[in-house]
PDB file of N, CA and C in Angstrom:
ATOM      1  N   MET A   1     -10.156  85.869 187.269  1.00  0.00           N
ATOM      2  CA  MET A   1      -9.824  84.552 186.765  1.00  0.00           C
ATOM      3  C   MET A   1     -10.454  83.438 187.597  1.00  0.00           C
ATOM      4  N   ASN A   2     -10.427  83.627 188.895  1.00  0.00           N
ATOM      5  CA  ASN A   2     -10.985  82.608 189.776  1.00  0.00           C
ATOM      6  C   ASN A   2     -12.503  82.522 189.613  1.00  0.00           C
ATOM      7  N   LEU A   3     -13.152  83.649 189.282  1.00  0.00           N
ATOM      8  CA  LEU A   3     -14.594  83.687 189.097  1.00  0.00           C
ATOM      9  C   LEU A   3     -15.021  82.835 187.901  1.00  0.00           C
ATOM     10  N   LYS A   4     -14.249  82.843 186.848  1.00  0.00           N
ATOM     11  CA  LYS A   4     -14.593  82.052 185.662  1.00  0.00           C
ATOM     12  C   LYS A   4     -14.587  80.561 185.978  1.00  0.00           C
ATOM     13  N   ASN A   5     -13.767  80.131 186.875  1.00  0.00           N
ATOM     14  CA  ASN A   5     -13.695  78.710 187.238  1.00  0.00           C
ATOM     15  C   ASN A   5     -14.876  78.290 188.103  1.00  0.00           C
ATOM     16  N   ASN A   6     -15.503  79.232 188.796  1.00  0.00           N
ATOM     17  CA  ASN A   6     -16.564  78.905 189.740  1.00  0.00           C
ATOM     18  C   ASN A   6     -17.969  79.165 189.183  1.00  0.00           C
ATOM     19  N   LYS A   7     -18.115  79.439 187.905  1.00  0.00           N
ATOM     20  CA  LYS A   7     -19.432  79.739 187.353  1.00  0.00           C
ATOM     21  C   LYS A   7     -20.400  78.572 187.501  1.00  0.00           C
ATOM     22  N   GLY A   8     -19.933  77.376 187.332  1.00  0.00           N
ATOM     23  CA  GLY A   8     -20.796  76.206 187.462  1.00  0.00           C
ATOM     24  C   GLY A   8     -21.328  76.040 188.872  1.00  0.00           C
ATOM     25  N   SER A   9     -20.500  76.272 189.872  1.00  0.00           N
ATOM     26  CA  SER A   9     -20.946  76.118 191.252  1.00  0.00           C
ATOM     27  C   SER A   9     -21.955  77.204 191.629  1.00  0.00           C
ATOM     28  N   MET A  10     -21.808  78.409 191.094  1.00  0.00           N
ATOM     29  CA  MET A  10     -22.779  79.474 191.365  1.00  0.00           C
ATOM     30  C   MET A  10     -24.135  79.124 190.760  1.00  0.00           C
ATOM     31  N   ALA A  11     -24.129  78.493 189.618  1.00  0.00           N
ATOM     32  CA  ALA A  11     -25.388  78.094 188.992  1.00  0.00           C
ATOM     33  C   ALA A  11     -26.120  77.091 189.864  1.00  0.00           C
ATOM     34  N   VAL A  12     -25.397  76.209 190.515  1.00  0.00           N
ATOM     35  CA  VAL A  12     -26.015  75.235 191.414  1.00  0.00           C
ATOM     36  C   VAL A  12     -26.634  75.952 192.606  1.00  0.00           C
ATOM     37  N   TYR A  13     -25.911  76.907 193.188  1.00  0.00           N
ATOM     38  CA  TYR A  13     -26.446  77.645 194.337  1.00  0.00           C
ATOM     39  C   TYR A  13     -27.688  78.450 193.952  1.00  0.00           C
ATOM     40  N   VAL A  14     -27.642  79.111 192.812  1.00  0.00           N
ATOM     41  CA  VAL A  14     -28.785  79.898 192.354  1.00  0.00           C
ATOM     42  C   VAL A  14     -29.975  78.988 192.101  1.00  0.00           C
ATOM     43  N   SER A  15     -29.739  77.846 191.500  1.00  0.00           N
ATOM     44  CA  SER A  15     -30.834  76.895 191.257  1.00  0.00           C
ATOM     45  C   SER A  15     -31.444  76.416 192.556  1.00  0.00           C
ATOM     46  N   ILE A  16     -30.621  76.119 193.538  1.00  0.00           N
ATOM     47  CA  ILE A  16     -31.129  75.654 194.840  1.00  0.00           C
ATOM     48  C   ILE A  16     -31.963  76.755 195.500  1.00  0.00           C
ATOM     49  N   VAL A  17     -31.493  77.993 195.444  1.00  0.00           N
ATOM     50  CA  VAL A  17     -32.228  79.110 196.045  1.00  0.00           C
ATOM     51  C   VAL A  17     -33.559  79.308 195.327  1.00  0.00           C
ATOM     52  N   LEU A  18     -33.562  79.257 194.006  1.00  0.00           N
ATOM     53  CA  LEU A  18     -34.804  79.441 193.262  1.00  0.00           C
ATOM     54  C   LEU A  18     -35.813  78.335 193.553  1.00  0.00           C
ATOM     55  N   ILE A  19     -35.351  77.105 193.611  1.00  0.00           N
ATOM     56  CA  ILE A  19     -36.253  75.986 193.915  1.00  0.00           C
ATOM     57  C   ILE A  19     -36.783  76.099 195.341  1.00  0.00           C
ATOM     58  N   THR A  20     -35.935  76.498 196.272  1.00  0.00           N
ATOM     59  CA  THR A  20     -36.369  76.682 197.659  1.00  0.00           C
ATOM     60  C   THR A  20     -37.426  77.777 197.753  1.00  0.00           C
ATOM     61  N   MET A  21     -37.197  78.897 197.080  1.00  0.00           N
ATOM     62  CA  MET A  21     -38.176  79.979 197.097  1.00  0.00           C
ATOM     63  C   MET A  21     -39.483  79.542 196.462  1.00  0.00           C
ATOM     64  N   LEU A  22     -39.403  78.749 195.414  1.00  0.00           N
ATOM     65  CA  LEU A  22     -40.609  78.240 194.771  1.00  0.00           C
ATOM     66  C   LEU A  22     -41.410  77.372 195.738  1.00  0.00           C
ATOM     67  N   PHE A  23     -40.740  76.505 196.474  1.00  0.00           N
ATOM     68  CA  PHE A  23     -41.427  75.654 197.449  1.00  0.00           C
ATOM     69  C   PHE A  23     -42.024  76.482 198.577  1.00  0.00           C
ATOM     70  N   ILE A  24     -41.320  77.509 199.013  1.00  0.00           N
ATOM     71  CA  ILE A  24     -41.849  78.366 200.081  1.00  0.00           C
ATOM     72  C   ILE A  24     -43.106  79.094 199.605  1.00  0.00           C
ATOM     73  N   LEU A  25     -43.059  79.650 198.404  1.00  0.00           N
ATOM     74  CA  LEU A  25     -44.233  80.343 197.865  1.00  0.00           C
ATOM     75  C   LEU A  25     -45.401  79.383 197.649  1.00  0.00           C
ATOM     76  N   LEU A  26     -45.102  78.185 197.191  1.00  0.00           N
ATOM     77  CA  LEU A  26     -46.151  77.184 197.004  1.00  0.00           C
ATOM     78  C   LEU A  26     -46.780  76.797 198.341  1.00  0.00           C
ATOM     79  N   ALA A  27     -45.972  76.636 199.367  1.00  0.00           N
ATOM     80  CA  ALA A  27     -46.493  76.298 200.698  1.00  0.00           C
ATOM     81  C   ALA A  27     -47.376  77.421 201.231  1.00  0.00           C
ATOM     82  N   ILE A  28     -46.939  78.677 201.060  1.00  0.00           N
ATOM     83  CA  ILE A  28     -47.742  79.810 201.525  1.00  0.00           C
ATOM     84  C   ILE A  28     -49.072  79.854 200.787  1.00  0.00           C
ATOM     85  N   PHE A  29     -49.036  79.609 199.480  1.00  0.00           N
ATOM     86  CA  PHE A  29     -50.265  79.615 198.699  1.00  0.00           C
ATOM     87  C   PHE A  29     -51.216  78.513 199.163  1.00  0.00           C
ATOM     88  N   LEU A  30     -50.702  77.313 199.378  1.00  0.00           N
ATOM     89  CA  LEU A  30     -51.559  76.204 199.802  1.00  0.00           C
ATOM     90  C   LEU A  30     -52.153  76.444 201.184  1.00  0.00           C
ATOM     91  N   ILE A  31     -51.365  77.000 202.086  1.00  0.00           N
ATOM     92  CA  ILE A  31     -51.859  77.283 203.437  1.00  0.00           C
ATOM     93  C   ILE A  31     -52.947  78.359 203.390  1.00  0.00           C
ATOM     94  N   SER A  32     -52.696  79.427 202.631  1.00  0.00           N
ATOM     95  CA  SER A  32     -53.701  80.490 202.558  1.00  0.00           C
ATOM     96  C   SER A  32     -54.961  80.010 201.845  1.00  0.00           C
ATOM     97  N   ASN A  33     -54.813  79.126 200.891  1.00  0.00           N
ATOM     98  CA  ASN A  33     -55.976  78.572 200.202  1.00  0.00           C
ATOM     99  C   ASN A  33     -56.811  77.719 201.155  1.00  0.00           C
ATOM    100  N   ALA A  34     -56.168  76.927 201.986  1.00  0.00           N
ATOM    101  CA  ALA A  34     -56.884  76.108 202.962  1.00  0.00           C
ATOM    102  C   ALA A  34     -57.606  76.990 203.983  1.00  0.00           C
ATOM    103  N   ILE A  35     -56.952  78.052 204.413  1.00  0.00           N
ATOM    104  CA  ILE A  35     -57.576  78.969 205.372  1.00  0.00           C
ATOM    105  C   ILE A  35     -58.786  79.645 204.741  1.00  0.00           C
ATOM    106  N   ARG A  36     -58.668  80.041 203.485  1.00  0.00           N
ATOM    107  CA  ARG A  36     -59.781  80.702 202.801  1.00  0.00           C
ATOM    108  C   ARG A  36     -60.974  79.761 202.643  1.00  0.00           C
ATOM    109  N   LYS A  37     -60.712  78.502 202.318  1.00  0.00           N
ATOM    110  CA  LYS A  37     -61.803  77.533 202.203  1.00  0.00           C
ATOM    111  C   LYS A  37     -62.502  77.356 203.542  1.00  0.00           C
ATOM    112  N   SER A  38     -61.734  77.318 204.616  1.00  0.00           N
ATOM    113  CA  SER A  38     -62.315  77.192 205.951  1.00  0.00           C
ATOM    114  C   SER A  38     -63.172  78.402 206.283  1.00  0.00           C
ATOM    115  N   GLN A  39     -62.698  79.591 205.941  1.00  0.00           N
ATOM    116  CA  GLN A  39     -63.474  80.807 206.201  1.00  0.00           C
ATOM    117  C   GLN A  39     -64.777  80.800 205.406  1.00  0.00           C
ATOM    118  N   LEU A  40     -64.712  80.374 204.168  1.00  0.00           N
ATOM    119  CA  LEU A  40     -65.923  80.349 203.346  1.00  0.00           C
ATOM    120  C   LEU A  40     -66.950  79.366 203.897  1.00  0.00           C
ATOM    121  N   SER A  41     -66.499  78.211 204.367  1.00  0.00           N
ATOM    122  CA  SER A  41     -67.455  77.252 204.925  1.00  0.00           C
ATOM    123  C   SER A  41     -68.067  77.792 206.210  1.00  0.00           C
ATOM    124  N   THR A  42     -67.288  78.529 206.995  1.00  0.00           N
ATOM    125  CA  THR A  42     -67.811  79.126 208.215  1.00  0.00           C
ATOM    126  C   THR A  42     -68.853  80.193 207.884  1.00  0.00           C
ATOM    127  N   VAL A  43     -68.588  80.994 206.867  1.00  0.00           N
ATOM    128  CA  VAL A  43     -69.533  82.036 206.468  1.00  0.00           C
ATOM    129  C   VAL A  43     -70.845  81.400 206.020  1.00  0.00           C
ATOM    130  N   VAL A  44     -70.773  80.308 205.288  1.00  0.00           N
ATOM    131  CA  VAL A  44     -71.994  79.633 204.829  1.00  0.00           C
ATOM    132  C   VAL A  44     -72.787  79.106 206.024  1.00  0.00           C
ATOM    133  N   LYS A  45     -72.110  78.542 207.008  1.00  0.00           N
ATOM    134  CA  LYS A  45     -72.803  78.025 208.191  1.00  0.00           C
ATOM    135  C   LYS A  45     -73.462  79.150 208.984  1.00  0.00           C
ATOM    136  N   VAL A  46     -72.779  80.285 209.108  1.00  0.00           N
ATOM    137  CA  VAL A  46     -73.358  81.424 209.825  1.00  0.00           C
ATOM    138  C   VAL A  46     -74.582  81.938 209.075  1.00  0.00           C
ATOM    139  N   LYS A  47     -74.468  82.035 207.762  1.00  0.00           N
ATOM    140  CA  LYS A  47     -75.595  82.499 206.945  1.00  0.00           C
ATOM    141  C   LYS A  47     -76.797  81.578 207.101  1.00  0.00           C
ATOM    142  N   GLU A  48     -76.569  80.275 207.105  1.00  0.00           N
ATOM    143  CA  GLU A  48     -77.667  79.315 207.262  1.00  0.00           C
ATOM    144  C   GLU A  48     -78.325  79.451 208.629  1.00  0.00           C
ATOM    145  N   SER A  49     -77.526  79.664 209.670  1.00  0.00           N
ATOM    146  CA  SER A  49     -78.121  79.787 211.002  1.00  0.00           C
ATOM    147  C   SER A  49     -78.964  81.055 211.110  1.00  0.00           C
ATOM    148  N   TYR A  50     -78.525  82.152 210.496  1.00  0.00           N
ATOM    149  CA  TYR A  50     -79.335  83.368 210.510  1.00  0.00           C
ATOM    150  C   TYR A  50     -80.593  83.203 209.681  1.00  0.00           C
ATOM    151  N   GLU A  51     -80.499  82.482 208.585  1.00  0.00           N
ATOM    152  CA  GLU A  51     -81.689  82.263 207.757  1.00  0.00           C
ATOM    153  C   GLU A  51     -82.738  81.436 208.499  1.00  0.00           C
ATOM    154  N   LYS A  52     -82.310  80.494 209.327  1.00  0.00           N
ATOM    155  CA  LYS A  52     -83.270  79.714 210.118  1.00  0.00           C
ATOM    156  C   LYS A  52     -84.068  80.636 211.030  1.00  0.00           C
ATOM    157  N   ASP A  53     -83.387  81.578 211.677  1.00  0.00           N
ATOM    158  CA  ASP A  53     -84.090  82.521 212.548  1.00  0.00           C
ATOM    159  C   ASP A  53     -84.978  83.461 211.744  1.00  0.00           C
ATOM    160  N   ASN A  54     -84.551  83.838 210.562  1.00  0.00           N
ATOM    161  CA  ASN A  54     -85.390  84.710 209.722  1.00  0.00           C
ATOM    162  C   ASN A  54     -86.655  83.989 209.287  1.00  0.00           C
ATOM    163  N   ASN A  55     -86.569  82.709 209.027  1.00  0.00           N
ATOM    164  CA  ASN A  55     -87.740  81.939 208.636  1.00  0.00           C
ATOM    165  C   ASN A  55     -88.723  81.796 209.798  1.00  0.00           C
ATOM    166  N   ARG A  56     -88.219  81.865 211.021  1.00  0.00           N
ATOM    167  CA  ARG A  56     -89.080  81.743 212.195  1.00  0.00           C
ATOM    168  C   ARG A  56     -89.445  83.102 212.776  1.00  0.00           C
ATOM    169  N   ALA A  57     -89.247  84.162 212.037  1.00  0.00           N
ATOM    170  CA  ALA A  57     -89.463  85.514 212.571  1.00  0.00           C
ATOM    171  C   ALA A  57     -90.902  85.707 213.036  1.00  0.00           C
ATOM    172  N   ASP A  58     -91.861  85.169 212.303  1.00  0.00           N
ATOM    173  CA  ASP A  58     -93.265  85.318 212.709  1.00  0.00           C
ATOM    174  C   ASP A  58     -93.526  84.625 214.045  1.00  0.00           C
ATOM    175  N   GLU A  59     -92.975  83.426 214.215  1.00  0.00           N
ATOM    176  CA  GLU A  59     -93.147  82.698 215.483  1.00  0.00           C
ATOM    177  C   GLU A  59     -92.535  83.469 216.645  1.00  0.00           C
ATOM    178  N   ILE A  60     -91.350  83.987 216.425  1.00  0.00           N
ATOM    179  CA  ILE A  60     -90.661  84.732 217.490  1.00  0.00           C
ATOM    180  C   ILE A  60     -91.438  86.002 217.822  1.00  0.00           C
ATOM    181  N   TYR A  61     -91.939  86.687 216.814  1.00  0.00           N
ATOM    182  CA  TYR A  61     -92.714  87.911 217.024  1.00  0.00           C
ATOM    183  C   TYR A  61     -93.979  87.619 217.825  1.00  0.00           C
ATOM    184  N   GLU A  62     -94.694  86.583 217.447  1.00  0.00           N
ATOM    185  CA  GLU A  62     -95.930  86.198 218.170  1.00  0.00           C
ATOM    186  C   GLU A  62     -95.615  85.823 219.598  1.00  0.00           C
ATOM    187  N   TYR A  63     -94.521  85.105 219.808  1.00  0.00           N
ATOM    188  CA  TYR A  63     -94.128  84.699 221.159  1.00  0.00           C
ATOM    189  C   TYR A  63     -93.853  85.912 222.031  1.00  0.00           C
ATOM    190  N   LEU A  64     -93.152  86.914 221.464  1.00  0.00           N
ATOM    191  CA  LEU A  64     -92.811  88.108 222.242  1.00  0.00           C
ATOM    192  C   LEU A  64     -94.037  88.954 222.532  1.00  0.00           C
ATOM    193  N   ILE A  65     -94.971  89.019 221.611  1.00  0.00           N
ATOM    194  CA  ILE A  65     -96.195  89.806 221.822  1.00  0.00           C
ATOM    195  C   ILE A  65     -97.073  89.157 222.891  1.00  0.00           C
ATOM    196  N   ASN A  66     -97.218  87.847 222.837  1.00  0.00           N
ATOM    197  CA  ASN A  66     -98.098  87.131 223.759  1.00  0.00           C
ATOM    198  C   ASN A  66     -97.453  86.867 225.111  1.00  0.00           C
ATOM    199  N   LYS A  67     -96.233  87.209 225.262  1.00  0.00           N
ATOM    200  CA  LYS A  67     -95.505  86.919 226.505  1.00  0.00           C
ATOM    201  C   LYS A  67     -95.986  87.711 227.649  1.00  0.00           C
TER     202      LYS A  67
END
């Protein structure tokens, strides 16, 4: 009998928990998305730096041979 009187208050608690979990999941998603973007930009920078050395491979080879 007492449970029937408290159904409305349980709905409020469940709603608060669901909204809180939604915000937590959204925060985790946004943080992981920001980290992934940072990793991708780092990978692009590393790739560009290696490509610069690959473009100069002939110069480096000649330098090492004539050394």
